Amino acid sequence: MTEESTPWGTGLTVAASVAGIIGAAIVVLSLGMIRVHPVVAVVLNLIAVGGLAPTLWSWRHVPVRRWFVLGAAVGVAGGWIAVLAIVLR
């Protein structure tokens, strides 16, 4: 059995695209929710991430989906950091 090589270029491109989309969505939606109430934004972000985490965790070893998982993790972290930077400035 031959071991397949990892498609780093394509995979990292997919991960970067997913990270950008998810990060932008988190920033836009969080800023909208903060206008309603900051606690609402925090609670809904935690519920959304908590709901997606089990599915994403199960995908981390599937060859194509693992790039989506990487992108989603980076996007969520980047989105939260961006929201904190915008709110705390």
C-alpha atoms as a PDB file:
ATOM      1  CA  MET A   1       0.000   0.000   0.000  1.00  0.00           C
ATOM      2  CA  THR A   2       1.424   3.375  -0.989  1.00  0.00           C
ATOM      3  CA  GLU A   3       0.909   6.345   1.226  1.00  0.00           C
ATOM      4  CA  GLU A   4      -0.662   9.351  -0.483  1.00  0.00           C
ATOM      5  CA  SER A   5       1.047  12.687  -0.132  1.00  0.00           C
ATOM      6  CA  THR A   6      -0.732  15.509   1.651  1.00  0.00           C
ATOM      7  CA  PRO A   7      -1.966  18.260  -0.703  1.00  0.00           C
ATOM      8  CA  TRP A   8      -0.585  21.141   1.355  1.00  0.00           C
ATOM      9  CA  GLY A   9      -1.074  23.866  -1.224  1.00  0.00           C
ATOM     10  CA  THR A  10      -4.702  23.094  -1.946  1.00  0.00           C
ATOM     11  CA  GLY A  11      -5.486  22.271   1.677  1.00  0.00           C
ATOM     12  CA  LEU A  12      -4.022  25.473   3.077  1.00  0.00           C
ATOM     13  CA  THR A  13      -5.826  27.479   0.394  1.00  0.00           C
ATOM     14  CA  VAL A  14      -9.129  25.901   1.424  1.00  0.00           C
ATOM     15  CA  ALA A  15      -8.328  26.463   5.100  1.00  0.00           C
ATOM     16  CA  ALA A  16      -7.468  30.132   4.494  1.00  0.00           C
ATOM     17  CA  SER A  17     -10.677  30.662   2.515  1.00  0.00           C
ATOM     18  CA  VAL A  18     -12.810  29.037   5.206  1.00  0.00           C
ATOM     19  CA  ALA A  19     -11.011  31.039   7.907  1.00  0.00           C
ATOM     20  CA  GLY A  20     -11.661  34.304   6.084  1.00  0.00           C
ATOM     21  CA  ILE A  21     -15.343  33.581   5.542  1.00  0.00           C
ATOM     22  CA  ILE A  22     -15.977  32.373   9.087  1.00  0.00           C
ATOM     23  CA  GLY A  23     -13.899  35.156  10.640  1.00  0.00           C
ATOM     24  CA  ALA A  24     -15.764  37.830   8.666  1.00  0.00           C
ATOM     25  CA  ALA A  25     -19.131  36.278   9.531  1.00  0.00           C
ATOM     26  CA  ILE A  26     -18.275  36.198  13.233  1.00  0.00           C
ATOM     27  CA  VAL A  27     -17.167  39.833  13.221  1.00  0.00           C
ATOM     28  CA  VAL A  28     -20.250  41.086  11.368  1.00  0.00           C
ATOM     29  CA  LEU A  29     -22.755  39.045  13.362  1.00  0.00           C
ATOM     30  CA  SER A  30     -21.071  39.717  16.711  1.00  0.00           C
ATOM     31  CA  LEU A  31     -20.981  43.468  16.159  1.00  0.00           C
ATOM     32  CA  GLY A  32     -24.667  43.374  15.275  1.00  0.00           C
ATOM     33  CA  MET A  33     -25.478  41.401  18.417  1.00  0.00           C
ATOM     34  CA  ILE A  34     -23.351  43.708  20.576  1.00  0.00           C
ATOM     35  CA  ARG A  35     -25.637  46.565  19.533  1.00  0.00           C
ATOM     36  CA  VAL A  36     -28.527  44.626  21.058  1.00  0.00           C
ATOM     37  CA  HIS A  37     -26.625  43.607  24.209  1.00  0.00           C
ATOM     38  CA  PRO A  38     -23.018  42.452  24.777  1.00  0.00           C
ATOM     39  CA  VAL A  39     -24.091  39.465  26.878  1.00  0.00           C
ATOM     40  CA  VAL A  40     -26.306  38.260  24.029  1.00  0.00           C
ATOM     41  CA  ALA A  41     -23.302  38.330  21.680  1.00  0.00           C
ATOM     42  CA  VAL A  42     -21.130  36.328  24.070  1.00  0.00           C
ATOM     43  CA  VAL A  43     -23.813  33.733  24.838  1.00  0.00           C
ATOM     44  CA  LEU A  44     -24.780  33.191  21.201  1.00  0.00           C
ATOM     45  CA  ASN A  45     -21.135  32.885  20.130  1.00  0.00           C
ATOM     46  CA  LEU A  46     -20.510  30.273  22.805  1.00  0.00           C
ATOM     47  CA  ILE A  47     -23.656  28.351  21.864  1.00  0.00           C
ATOM     48  CA  ALA A  48     -22.726  28.377  18.165  1.00  0.00           C
ATOM     49  CA  VAL A  49     -19.167  27.213  18.773  1.00  0.00           C
ATOM     50  CA  GLY A  50     -20.278  24.634  21.324  1.00  0.00           C
ATOM     51  CA  GLY A  51     -22.784  23.253  18.854  1.00  0.00           C
ATOM     52  CA  LEU A  52     -20.311  23.004  15.992  1.00  0.00           C
ATOM     53  CA  ALA A  53     -17.373  21.675  17.997  1.00  0.00           C
ATOM     54  CA  PRO A  54     -18.464  18.004  18.193  1.00  0.00           C
ATOM     55  CA  THR A  55     -19.086  17.808  14.442  1.00  0.00           C
ATOM     56  CA  LEU A  56     -15.814  19.490  13.584  1.00  0.00           C
ATOM     57  CA  TRP A  57     -13.928  17.312  16.044  1.00  0.00           C
ATOM     58  CA  SER A  58     -15.214  14.188  14.287  1.00  0.00           C
ATOM     59  CA  TRP A  59     -14.092  15.583  10.899  1.00  0.00           C
ATOM     60  CA  ARG A  60     -10.460  16.239  11.894  1.00  0.00           C
ATOM     61  CA  HIS A  61      -9.151  12.938  10.477  1.00  0.00           C
ATOM     62  CA  VAL A  62     -11.179  12.877   7.245  1.00  0.00           C
ATOM     63  CA  PRO A  63      -8.759  13.808   4.422  1.00  0.00           C
ATOM     64  CA  VAL A  64     -10.706  16.659   2.788  1.00  0.00           C
ATOM     65  CA  ARG A  65     -12.733  17.871   5.748  1.00  0.00           C
ATOM     66  CA  ARG A  66      -9.699  18.347   7.992  1.00  0.00           C
ATOM     67  CA  TRP A  67      -8.841  21.505   6.019  1.00  0.00           C
ATOM     68  CA  PHE A  68     -12.301  22.893   6.744  1.00  0.00           C
ATOM     69  CA  VAL A  69     -11.768  22.146  10.431  1.00  0.00           C
ATOM     70  CA  LEU A  70      -8.442  23.995  10.429  1.00  0.00           C
ATOM     71  CA  GLY A  71     -10.007  26.962   8.649  1.00  0.00           C
ATOM     72  CA  ALA A  72     -12.973  27.021  11.005  1.00  0.00           C
ATOM     73  CA  ALA A  73     -10.750  26.976  14.088  1.00  0.00           C
ATOM     74  CA  VAL A  74      -8.530  29.771  12.782  1.00  0.00           C
ATOM     75  CA  GLY A  75     -11.573  31.764  11.618  1.00  0.00           C
ATOM     76  CA  VAL A  76     -13.326  31.557  14.974  1.00  0.00           C
ATOM     77  CA  ALA A  77     -10.196  32.536  16.884  1.00  0.00           C
ATOM     78  CA  GLY A  78      -9.405  35.361  14.474  1.00  0.00           C
ATOM     79  CA  GLY A  79     -12.996  36.589  14.498  1.00  0.00           C
ATOM     80  CA  TRP A  80     -13.124  36.706  18.269  1.00  0.00           C
ATOM     81  CA  ILE A  81      -9.798  38.529  18.459  1.00  0.00           C
ATOM     82  CA  ALA A  82     -10.968  41.032  15.851  1.00  0.00           C
ATOM     83  CA  VAL A  83     -14.248  41.641  17.697  1.00  0.00           C
ATOM     84  CA  LEU A  84     -12.388  42.176  20.971  1.00  0.00           C
ATOM     85  CA  ALA A  85      -9.978  44.592  19.272  1.00  0.00           C
ATOM     86  CA  ILE A  86     -12.862  46.577  17.756  1.00  0.00           C
ATOM     87  CA  VAL A  87     -14.879  46.697  20.962  1.00  0.00           C
ATOM     88  CA  LEU A  88     -11.959  47.542  23.253  1.00  0.00           C
ATOM     89  CA  ARG A  89     -10.432  50.315  21.128  1.00  0.00           C
END
